[in-house]
Amino acid sequence: MSGWTTAGEVLRDHPVRDVLVPGLLDRDDDVPEFRPQPLAVWLRLDEGLLRFESVGQYDHLATASVAAVEWAGIDVLAESDEEVIVASCGEQLFGDGRDELRCTRLRAYRAPGAGPAVCTCLALDFEGGHTLFLDPTWTFGIRVGNAADERRWLELYGEEGAVLAADVAVSELPVT
C-alpha cells in the first residue's frame, strides 16, 4: 500500500492531536539544546500514531500506523551517545489551541518515473485551513512545514520535478 493511501485511510478515521519530531538533547553547554533529527515524524492521533519516515535515497516517504514512538531502525538516533527525545510541534504548526484536528484533504506528490506506490512528498489539509507539508527530500530528514513550504517546493521542482499523484478528500476514501 502506498504511503498516501495508508495516511488517508488512517486519517479518515482518526483526528490528529500533535506532530512529534525526534532529536538529540545536547547538554554540553550551559543551556541544553534540542537538535532535531527528523528522519521520522509521527502524528499523534486520538488512538495510536501515524509514522512517516524518509526512505530510499531520502527521496520518498514510508508511512505506517504504529502503537508507539520507536526509532530503533534510525541509526543516527539508535546509536547516539546523546539523549534522544521527541518534541511536540503541533502548536507551532497548527497554533489554534484545539485539542485535535481532522484531516480533510491530502495531496501526494511523486517524482517523474517513480511508481504509483512511491510518495515523494505529502500535503495534508486540516479543518481550520491548516496545511502540514512533509518533504523527505530535505538534506536533514523530513522538512515539516505548511502551505508556504508546499508552494516553495512546487516552485523549486516545477512541472518537470513534481507529479501530483493524488488530490483527494479524506472523507471520500473507500473504507477497506
N, C-alpha and C. Protein backbone atom coordinates (compact mmCIF):
# COMPACT_ATOMS: atom_id res chain seq x y z
N MET A 1 0.84 -1.18 0.00
CA MET A 1 0.00 0.00 0.00
C MET A 1 0.88 1.23 0.00
N SER A 2 0.53 2.24 -0.79
CA SER A 2 1.36 3.44 -0.87
C SER A 2 1.23 4.28 0.39
N GLY A 3 2.21 5.13 0.61
CA GLY A 3 2.22 5.98 1.79
C GLY A 3 1.01 6.88 1.89
N TRP A 4 0.61 7.47 0.77
CA TRP A 4 -0.52 8.40 0.86
C TRP A 4 -1.82 7.64 1.13
N THR A 5 -1.94 6.42 0.61
CA THR A 5 -3.16 5.64 0.85
C THR A 5 -3.25 5.26 2.32
N THR A 6 -2.15 4.81 2.89
CA THR A 6 -2.12 4.48 4.32
C THR A 6 -2.48 5.70 5.15
N ALA A 7 -1.85 6.83 4.85
CA ALA A 7 -2.13 8.07 5.59
C ALA A 7 -3.60 8.43 5.48
N GLY A 8 -4.15 8.38 4.27
CA GLY A 8 -5.55 8.74 4.07
C GLY A 8 -6.51 7.85 4.82
N GLU A 9 -6.26 6.55 4.78
CA GLU A 9 -7.15 5.62 5.48
C GLU A 9 -7.12 5.82 6.99
N VAL A 10 -5.94 6.05 7.54
CA VAL A 10 -5.84 6.27 8.98
C VAL A 10 -6.46 7.61 9.36
N LEU A 11 -6.14 8.65 8.60
CA LEU A 11 -6.64 9.99 8.93
C LEU A 11 -8.14 10.15 8.68
N ARG A 12 -8.71 9.30 7.85
CA ARG A 12 -10.16 9.33 7.65
C ARG A 12 -10.88 9.02 8.96
N ASP A 13 -10.29 8.11 9.75
CA ASP A 13 -10.95 7.63 10.96
C ASP A 13 -10.42 8.22 12.26
N HIS A 14 -9.28 8.96 12.21
CA HIS A 14 -8.67 9.44 13.44
C HIS A 14 -8.20 10.88 13.32
N PRO A 15 -8.63 11.75 14.24
CA PRO A 15 -8.12 13.12 14.24
C PRO A 15 -6.68 13.17 14.76
N VAL A 16 -5.98 14.22 14.39
CA VAL A 16 -4.59 14.43 14.79
C VAL A 16 -4.55 15.32 16.03
N ARG A 17 -3.75 14.90 17.01
CA ARG A 17 -3.61 15.68 18.24
C ARG A 17 -2.28 16.41 18.32
N ASP A 18 -1.25 15.90 17.62
CA ASP A 18 0.07 16.53 17.72
C ASP A 18 0.97 16.03 16.60
N VAL A 19 2.05 16.75 16.38
CA VAL A 19 3.10 16.36 15.45
C VAL A 19 4.36 16.20 16.29
N LEU A 20 4.98 15.02 16.24
CA LEU A 20 6.15 14.72 17.07
C LEU A 20 7.39 14.57 16.20
N VAL A 21 8.45 15.27 16.59
CA VAL A 21 9.71 15.25 15.85
C VAL A 21 10.81 14.80 16.80
N PRO A 22 11.58 13.74 16.43
CA PRO A 22 12.67 13.27 17.30
C PRO A 22 13.92 14.11 17.14
N GLY A 23 14.75 14.06 18.15
CA GLY A 23 16.02 14.77 18.08
C GLY A 23 16.91 14.43 19.25
N LEU A 24 18.05 15.05 19.27
CA LEU A 24 19.04 14.81 20.31
C LEU A 24 19.04 15.97 21.28
N LEU A 25 19.18 15.67 22.55
CA LEU A 25 19.28 16.70 23.58
C LEU A 25 20.75 16.85 23.94
N ASP A 26 21.32 17.97 23.54
CA ASP A 26 22.73 18.24 23.77
C ASP A 26 22.86 19.03 25.07
N ARG A 27 23.47 18.41 26.07
CA ARG A 27 23.62 19.04 27.39
C ARG A 27 25.05 19.55 27.62
N ASP A 28 25.84 19.68 26.55
CA ASP A 28 27.25 20.08 26.70
C ASP A 28 27.43 21.54 27.09
N ASP A 29 26.53 22.42 26.70
CA ASP A 29 26.65 23.85 27.02
C ASP A 29 25.84 24.20 28.25
N ASP A 30 25.88 25.47 28.62
CA ASP A 30 25.14 25.94 29.79
C ASP A 30 23.64 25.71 29.66
N VAL A 31 23.13 25.87 28.45
CA VAL A 31 21.71 25.69 28.19
C VAL A 31 21.54 24.44 27.32
N PRO A 32 20.80 23.43 27.79
CA PRO A 32 20.58 22.25 26.95
C PRO A 32 19.89 22.64 25.65
N GLU A 33 20.29 22.00 24.55
CA GLU A 33 19.76 22.33 23.25
C GLU A 33 19.14 21.12 22.58
N PHE A 34 17.95 21.30 22.02
CA PHE A 34 17.30 20.25 21.24
C PHE A 34 17.77 20.38 19.80
N ARG A 35 18.27 19.29 19.24
CA ARG A 35 18.74 19.27 17.86
C ARG A 35 17.90 18.27 17.06
N PRO A 36 16.94 18.78 16.28
CA PRO A 36 16.03 17.90 15.55
C PRO A 36 16.77 16.96 14.61
N GLN A 37 16.30 15.75 14.53
CA GLN A 37 16.79 14.73 13.59
C GLN A 37 15.55 14.08 12.96
N PRO A 38 14.84 14.80 12.11
CA PRO A 38 13.54 14.32 11.64
C PRO A 38 13.59 13.30 10.49
N LEU A 39 14.35 12.23 10.68
CA LEU A 39 14.32 11.16 9.67
C LEU A 39 13.00 10.41 9.74
N ALA A 40 12.33 10.53 10.87
CA ALA A 40 10.95 10.05 11.04
C ALA A 40 10.17 11.14 11.76
N VAL A 41 8.89 11.21 11.48
CA VAL A 41 7.98 12.16 12.13
C VAL A 41 6.70 11.39 12.42
N TRP A 42 6.10 11.64 13.57
CA TRP A 42 4.87 10.96 13.95
C TRP A 42 3.74 11.96 14.11
N LEU A 43 2.55 11.57 13.67
CA LEU A 43 1.34 12.30 14.01
C LEU A 43 0.70 11.54 15.15
N ARG A 44 0.50 12.22 16.28
CA ARG A 44 -0.20 11.59 17.41
C ARG A 44 -1.69 11.71 17.11
N LEU A 45 -2.35 10.56 17.12
CA LEU A 45 -3.78 10.51 16.81
C LEU A 45 -4.58 10.32 18.09
N ASP A 46 -5.89 10.31 17.97
CA ASP A 46 -6.71 10.01 19.13
C ASP A 46 -6.43 8.60 19.63
N GLU A 47 -6.04 7.70 18.72
CA GLU A 47 -5.64 6.33 19.05
C GLU A 47 -4.43 5.98 18.20
N GLY A 48 -3.28 5.78 18.83
CA GLY A 48 -2.08 5.39 18.11
C GLY A 48 -1.39 6.55 17.43
N LEU A 49 -0.50 6.19 16.50
CA LEU A 49 0.33 7.18 15.80
C LEU A 49 0.41 6.82 14.33
N LEU A 50 0.68 7.82 13.53
CA LEU A 50 0.96 7.63 12.12
C LEU A 50 2.41 8.04 11.92
N ARG A 51 3.26 7.09 11.48
CA ARG A 51 4.69 7.34 11.35
C ARG A 51 5.05 7.57 9.88
N PHE A 52 5.80 8.64 9.63
CA PHE A 52 6.34 8.94 8.32
C PHE A 52 7.86 8.84 8.44
N GLU A 53 8.49 8.15 7.49
CA GLU A 53 9.94 8.01 7.53
C GLU A 53 10.52 8.32 6.16
N SER A 54 11.63 9.03 6.15
CA SER A 54 12.36 9.32 4.93
C SER A 54 13.14 8.07 4.55
N VAL A 55 12.85 7.50 3.37
CA VAL A 55 13.45 6.23 2.97
C VAL A 55 14.03 6.32 1.56
N GLY A 56 14.59 5.21 1.11
CA GLY A 56 15.22 5.17 -0.21
C GLY A 56 16.49 5.98 -0.16
N GLN A 57 16.67 6.82 -1.12
CA GLN A 57 17.79 7.76 -1.13
C GLN A 57 17.34 9.06 -0.46
N TYR A 58 16.54 8.90 0.60
CA TYR A 58 15.91 10.03 1.29
C TYR A 58 15.13 10.86 0.29
N ASP A 59 14.35 10.13 -0.53
CA ASP A 59 13.59 10.81 -1.57
C ASP A 59 12.11 10.44 -1.58
N HIS A 60 11.68 9.64 -0.60
CA HIS A 60 10.24 9.38 -0.51
C HIS A 60 9.86 8.97 0.91
N LEU A 61 8.56 9.03 1.15
CA LEU A 61 8.02 8.74 2.48
C LEU A 61 7.49 7.32 2.57
N ALA A 62 7.84 6.67 3.65
CA ALA A 62 7.18 5.42 4.02
C ALA A 62 6.21 5.78 5.13
N THR A 63 5.05 5.18 5.14
CA THR A 63 4.02 5.51 6.10
C THR A 63 3.51 4.24 6.77
N ALA A 64 3.32 4.30 8.09
CA ALA A 64 2.81 3.15 8.82
C ALA A 64 2.00 3.62 10.02
N SER A 65 0.97 2.88 10.32
CA SER A 65 0.21 3.09 11.55
C SER A 65 0.92 2.30 12.64
N VAL A 66 1.29 2.96 13.74
CA VAL A 66 2.06 2.30 14.80
C VAL A 66 1.44 2.61 16.16
N ALA A 67 1.80 1.80 17.15
CA ALA A 67 1.25 1.97 18.50
C ALA A 67 2.09 2.90 19.36
N ALA A 68 3.41 3.02 19.06
CA ALA A 68 4.30 3.81 19.91
C ALA A 68 5.41 4.44 19.08
N VAL A 69 6.03 5.47 19.64
CA VAL A 69 7.19 6.10 19.02
C VAL A 69 8.36 5.13 19.16
N GLU A 70 9.04 4.87 18.04
CA GLU A 70 10.14 3.91 18.01
C GLU A 70 11.17 4.39 16.99
N TRP A 71 12.44 4.38 17.37
CA TRP A 71 13.49 4.80 16.44
C TRP A 71 14.62 3.79 16.34
N ALA A 72 14.36 2.55 16.68
CA ALA A 72 15.40 1.52 16.64
C ALA A 72 16.03 1.39 15.25
N GLY A 73 15.28 1.58 14.19
CA GLY A 73 15.82 1.43 12.85
C GLY A 73 16.48 2.68 12.29
N ILE A 74 16.50 3.76 13.06
CA ILE A 74 17.10 5.01 12.60
C ILE A 74 18.46 5.14 13.28
N ASP A 75 19.52 4.80 12.54
CA ASP A 75 20.86 4.70 13.13
C ASP A 75 21.31 5.94 13.89
N VAL A 76 21.10 7.12 13.32
CA VAL A 76 21.58 8.34 13.97
C VAL A 76 20.97 8.52 15.36
N LEU A 77 19.76 8.00 15.57
CA LEU A 77 19.12 8.09 16.88
C LEU A 77 19.43 6.87 17.74
N ALA A 78 19.32 5.70 17.16
CA ALA A 78 19.52 4.46 17.92
C ALA A 78 20.95 4.31 18.44
N GLU A 79 21.92 4.84 17.71
CA GLU A 79 23.32 4.67 18.08
C GLU A 79 23.93 5.92 18.71
N SER A 80 23.11 6.90 19.01
CA SER A 80 23.62 8.16 19.54
C SER A 80 24.04 8.05 21.01
N ASP A 81 25.11 8.78 21.35
CA ASP A 81 25.53 8.88 22.74
C ASP A 81 24.73 9.96 23.48
N GLU A 82 24.06 10.81 22.72
CA GLU A 82 23.24 11.87 23.29
C GLU A 82 21.87 11.31 23.70
N GLU A 83 21.19 12.06 24.54
CA GLU A 83 19.83 11.69 24.93
C GLU A 83 18.88 11.97 23.77
N VAL A 84 18.04 10.99 23.43
CA VAL A 84 17.08 11.15 22.34
C VAL A 84 15.72 11.46 22.95
N ILE A 85 15.08 12.52 22.45
CA ILE A 85 13.75 12.91 22.92
C ILE A 85 12.88 13.23 21.72
N VAL A 86 11.59 13.38 21.96
CA VAL A 86 10.64 13.74 20.92
C VAL A 86 10.03 15.08 21.30
N ALA A 87 10.05 16.02 20.36
CA ALA A 87 9.48 17.35 20.60
C ALA A 87 8.06 17.42 20.05
N SER A 88 7.18 18.08 20.78
CA SER A 88 5.82 18.34 20.35
C SER A 88 5.83 19.61 19.50
N CYS A 89 5.42 19.50 18.23
CA CYS A 89 5.45 20.64 17.32
C CYS A 89 4.06 21.05 16.82
N GLY A 90 3.03 20.39 17.30
CA GLY A 90 1.68 20.67 16.84
C GLY A 90 1.23 22.10 17.05
N GLU A 91 1.56 22.64 18.19
CA GLU A 91 1.13 24.02 18.49
C GLU A 91 1.77 25.02 17.52
N GLN A 92 3.04 24.81 17.18
CA GLN A 92 3.71 25.71 16.23
C GLN A 92 3.13 25.57 14.83
N LEU A 93 2.71 24.37 14.47
CA LEU A 93 2.21 24.14 13.12
C LEU A 93 0.73 24.48 12.97
N PHE A 94 -0.06 24.23 14.01
CA PHE A 94 -1.50 24.46 13.92
C PHE A 94 -1.92 25.69 14.70
N GLY A 95 -1.29 25.94 15.82
CA GLY A 95 -1.40 27.15 16.60
C GLY A 95 -2.77 27.67 16.98
N ASP A 96 -3.79 26.89 16.97
CA ASP A 96 -5.09 27.45 17.32
C ASP A 96 -5.63 26.94 18.65
N GLY A 97 -4.83 26.18 19.38
CA GLY A 97 -5.22 25.72 20.70
C GLY A 97 -6.26 24.61 20.72
N ARG A 98 -6.56 24.02 19.59
CA ARG A 98 -7.54 22.92 19.56
C ARG A 98 -6.88 21.64 20.03
N ASP A 99 -7.66 20.78 20.64
CA ASP A 99 -7.14 19.50 21.13
C ASP A 99 -6.85 18.53 20.00
N GLU A 100 -7.63 18.61 18.92
CA GLU A 100 -7.41 17.72 17.80
C GLU A 100 -7.98 18.35 16.54
N LEU A 101 -7.44 17.93 15.40
CA LEU A 101 -7.88 18.43 14.11
C LEU A 101 -8.15 17.26 13.17
N ARG A 102 -9.17 17.38 12.37
CA ARG A 102 -9.48 16.36 11.37
C ARG A 102 -8.81 16.74 10.06
N CYS A 103 -8.22 15.75 9.41
CA CYS A 103 -7.65 15.93 8.09
C CYS A 103 -8.80 15.89 7.09
N THR A 104 -8.86 16.88 6.19
CA THR A 104 -9.95 16.96 5.23
C THR A 104 -9.52 16.58 3.81
N ARG A 105 -8.25 16.82 3.48
CA ARG A 105 -7.78 16.58 2.11
C ARG A 105 -6.31 16.24 2.15
N LEU A 106 -5.87 15.44 1.18
CA LEU A 106 -4.44 15.19 1.06
C LEU A 106 -4.02 15.26 -0.40
N ARG A 107 -2.78 15.71 -0.58
CA ARG A 107 -2.16 15.77 -1.90
C ARG A 107 -0.84 15.02 -1.81
N ALA A 108 -0.67 14.03 -2.66
CA ALA A 108 0.57 13.26 -2.69
C ALA A 108 1.30 13.60 -3.98
N TYR A 109 2.59 13.86 -3.85
CA TYR A 109 3.44 14.17 -5.00
C TYR A 109 4.46 13.05 -5.16
N ARG A 110 4.83 12.79 -6.42
CA ARG A 110 5.90 11.83 -6.67
C ARG A 110 6.78 12.36 -7.78
N ALA A 111 8.01 11.87 -7.78
CA ALA A 111 8.96 12.27 -8.80
C ALA A 111 8.60 11.59 -10.13
N PRO A 112 8.90 12.24 -11.26
CA PRO A 112 8.64 11.61 -12.55
C PRO A 112 9.38 10.27 -12.65
N GLY A 113 8.71 9.29 -13.21
CA GLY A 113 9.33 7.98 -13.36
C GLY A 113 9.18 7.08 -12.16
N ALA A 114 8.80 7.62 -11.03
CA ALA A 114 8.59 6.80 -9.83
C ALA A 114 7.26 6.06 -9.97
N GLY A 115 7.21 4.87 -9.42
CA GLY A 115 5.99 4.07 -9.49
C GLY A 115 4.86 4.69 -8.71
N PRO A 116 3.63 4.25 -8.96
CA PRO A 116 2.47 4.83 -8.29
C PRO A 116 2.47 4.61 -6.78
N ALA A 117 3.23 3.64 -6.28
CA ALA A 117 3.27 3.38 -4.84
C ALA A 117 4.24 4.30 -4.12
N VAL A 118 5.02 5.08 -4.87
CA VAL A 118 6.01 5.97 -4.25
C VAL A 118 5.39 7.33 -3.96
N CYS A 119 5.49 7.75 -2.72
CA CYS A 119 5.01 9.07 -2.31
C CYS A 119 6.24 9.89 -1.96
N THR A 120 6.56 10.87 -2.81
CA THR A 120 7.74 11.69 -2.57
C THR A 120 7.45 12.70 -1.47
N CYS A 121 6.39 13.48 -1.59
CA CYS A 121 6.00 14.46 -0.58
C CYS A 121 4.50 14.36 -0.35
N LEU A 122 4.07 14.81 0.82
CA LEU A 122 2.66 14.71 1.17
C LEU A 122 2.19 16.00 1.83
N ALA A 123 1.08 16.52 1.33
CA ALA A 123 0.44 17.70 1.92
C ALA A 123 -0.88 17.25 2.53
N LEU A 124 -1.09 17.58 3.79
CA LEU A 124 -2.33 17.24 4.50
C LEU A 124 -3.04 18.52 4.89
N ASP A 125 -4.27 18.68 4.44
CA ASP A 125 -5.07 19.84 4.81
C ASP A 125 -5.96 19.46 5.98
N PHE A 126 -6.04 20.36 6.96
CA PHE A 126 -6.84 20.14 8.16
C PHE A 126 -7.92 21.19 8.26
N GLU A 127 -8.96 20.87 9.03
CA GLU A 127 -10.01 21.85 9.26
C GLU A 127 -9.38 23.10 9.85
N GLY A 128 -9.98 24.22 9.56
CA GLY A 128 -9.44 25.49 10.04
C GLY A 128 -8.42 26.09 9.09
N GLY A 129 -8.19 25.44 7.93
CA GLY A 129 -7.29 26.00 6.93
C GLY A 129 -5.82 25.70 7.15
N HIS A 130 -5.49 24.77 8.01
CA HIS A 130 -4.08 24.43 8.27
C HIS A 130 -3.61 23.37 7.28
N THR A 131 -2.38 23.51 6.82
CA THR A 131 -1.75 22.51 5.95
C THR A 131 -0.46 22.05 6.59
N LEU A 132 -0.24 20.75 6.56
CA LEU A 132 1.01 20.15 7.02
C LEU A 132 1.67 19.55 5.80
N PHE A 133 2.89 19.99 5.49
CA PHE A 133 3.62 19.51 4.32
C PHE A 133 4.84 18.74 4.77
N LEU A 134 4.96 17.49 4.33
CA LEU A 134 6.06 16.62 4.71
C LEU A 134 6.93 16.36 3.49
N ASP A 135 8.19 16.81 3.56
CA ASP A 135 9.12 16.73 2.44
C ASP A 135 10.36 15.95 2.84
N PRO A 136 10.47 14.67 2.44
CA PRO A 136 11.63 13.87 2.81
C PRO A 136 12.86 14.13 1.95
N THR A 137 12.77 15.03 0.97
CA THR A 137 13.91 15.32 0.12
C THR A 137 14.83 16.37 0.72
N TRP A 138 14.50 16.83 1.89
CA TRP A 138 15.31 17.83 2.60
C TRP A 138 16.61 17.16 3.06
N THR A 139 17.69 17.89 3.09
CA THR A 139 19.00 17.36 3.44
C THR A 139 19.03 16.70 4.81
N PHE A 140 18.29 17.22 5.77
CA PHE A 140 18.41 16.77 7.16
C PHE A 140 17.25 15.87 7.61
N GLY A 141 16.55 15.26 6.69
CA GLY A 141 15.43 14.40 7.05
C GLY A 141 14.15 14.92 6.42
N ILE A 142 13.08 14.88 7.18
CA ILE A 142 11.78 15.34 6.69
C ILE A 142 11.59 16.80 7.10
N ARG A 143 11.42 17.64 6.10
CA ARG A 143 11.07 19.04 6.41
C ARG A 143 9.59 19.05 6.74
N VAL A 144 9.27 19.50 7.92
CA VAL A 144 7.89 19.59 8.38
C VAL A 144 7.48 21.04 8.23
N GLY A 145 6.56 21.30 7.30
CA GLY A 145 6.19 22.67 7.02
C GLY A 145 4.70 22.86 6.84
N ASN A 146 4.37 23.94 6.14
CA ASN A 146 2.98 24.32 5.95
C ASN A 146 2.70 24.57 4.46
N ALA A 147 1.62 25.26 4.15
CA ALA A 147 1.24 25.50 2.76
C ALA A 147 2.30 26.31 2.03
N ALA A 148 2.96 27.24 2.70
CA ALA A 148 4.02 28.02 2.06
C ALA A 148 5.19 27.11 1.65
N ASP A 149 5.49 26.10 2.45
CA ASP A 149 6.55 25.16 2.10
C ASP A 149 6.15 24.30 0.91
N GLU A 150 4.87 23.94 0.83
CA GLU A 150 4.39 23.18 -0.33
C GLU A 150 4.53 24.02 -1.60
N ARG A 151 4.11 25.29 -1.55
CA ARG A 151 4.24 26.18 -2.71
C ARG A 151 5.71 26.35 -3.11
N ARG A 152 6.58 26.53 -2.12
CA ARG A 152 8.01 26.70 -2.39
C ARG A 152 8.58 25.44 -3.05
N TRP A 153 8.17 24.26 -2.57
CA TRP A 153 8.64 23.01 -3.15
C TRP A 153 8.18 22.88 -4.60
N LEU A 154 6.92 23.24 -4.87
CA LEU A 154 6.39 23.16 -6.23
C LEU A 154 7.09 24.15 -7.14
N GLU A 155 7.41 25.34 -6.65
CA GLU A 155 8.15 26.32 -7.44
C GLU A 155 9.56 25.81 -7.74
N LEU A 156 10.18 25.19 -6.76
CA LEU A 156 11.54 24.68 -6.91
C LEU A 156 11.62 23.55 -7.93
N TYR A 157 10.68 22.61 -7.86
CA TYR A 157 10.73 21.44 -8.73
C TYR A 157 9.89 21.58 -9.99
N GLY A 158 8.95 22.49 -9.99
CA GLY A 158 8.15 22.76 -11.18
C GLY A 158 7.46 21.54 -11.74
N GLU A 159 6.94 21.69 -12.93
CA GLU A 159 6.19 20.60 -13.56
C GLU A 159 7.07 19.42 -13.92
N GLU A 160 8.36 19.66 -14.19
CA GLU A 160 9.25 18.56 -14.55
C GLU A 160 9.61 17.70 -13.35
N GLY A 161 9.58 18.25 -12.15
CA GLY A 161 10.05 17.52 -10.98
C GLY A 161 8.98 17.03 -10.05
N ALA A 162 7.73 17.39 -10.27
CA ALA A 162 6.67 17.00 -9.34
C ALA A 162 5.45 16.53 -10.11
N VAL A 163 4.99 15.36 -9.76
CA VAL A 163 3.77 14.81 -10.34
C VAL A 163 2.75 14.70 -9.22
N LEU A 164 1.58 15.30 -9.41
CA LEU A 164 0.52 15.18 -8.42
C LEU A 164 -0.09 13.79 -8.57
N ALA A 165 0.24 12.91 -7.62
CA ALA A 165 -0.22 11.52 -7.69
C ALA A 165 -1.62 11.36 -7.15
N ALA A 166 -2.01 12.23 -6.22
CA ALA A 166 -3.35 12.14 -5.64
C ALA A 166 -3.73 13.50 -5.07
N ASP A 167 -4.97 13.84 -5.21
CA ASP A 167 -5.56 15.02 -4.58
C ASP A 167 -6.99 14.61 -4.23
N VAL A 168 -7.18 14.14 -2.99
CA VAL A 168 -8.46 13.57 -2.62
C VAL A 168 -8.96 14.13 -1.28
N ALA A 169 -10.28 14.20 -1.17
CA ALA A 169 -10.89 14.49 0.11
C ALA A 169 -10.79 13.23 0.94
N VAL A 170 -10.31 13.34 2.14
CA VAL A 170 -10.11 12.16 3.01
C VAL A 170 -11.41 11.42 3.24
N SER A 171 -12.50 12.15 3.37
CA SER A 171 -13.80 11.51 3.61
C SER A 171 -14.26 10.67 2.43
N GLU A 172 -13.72 10.91 1.24
CA GLU A 172 -14.12 10.15 0.05
C GLU A 172 -13.32 8.87 -0.15
N LEU A 173 -12.29 8.65 0.67
CA LEU A 173 -11.51 7.42 0.53
C LEU A 173 -12.36 6.23 0.92
N PRO A 174 -12.25 5.14 0.18
CA PRO A 174 -13.08 3.96 0.49
C PRO A 174 -12.68 3.32 1.82
N VAL A 175 -13.66 2.77 2.50
CA VAL A 175 -13.39 2.02 3.73
C VAL A 175 -12.98 0.62 3.33
N THR A 176 -11.83 0.17 3.86
CA THR A 176 -11.35 -1.18 3.49
C THR A 176 -11.57 -2.16 4.60
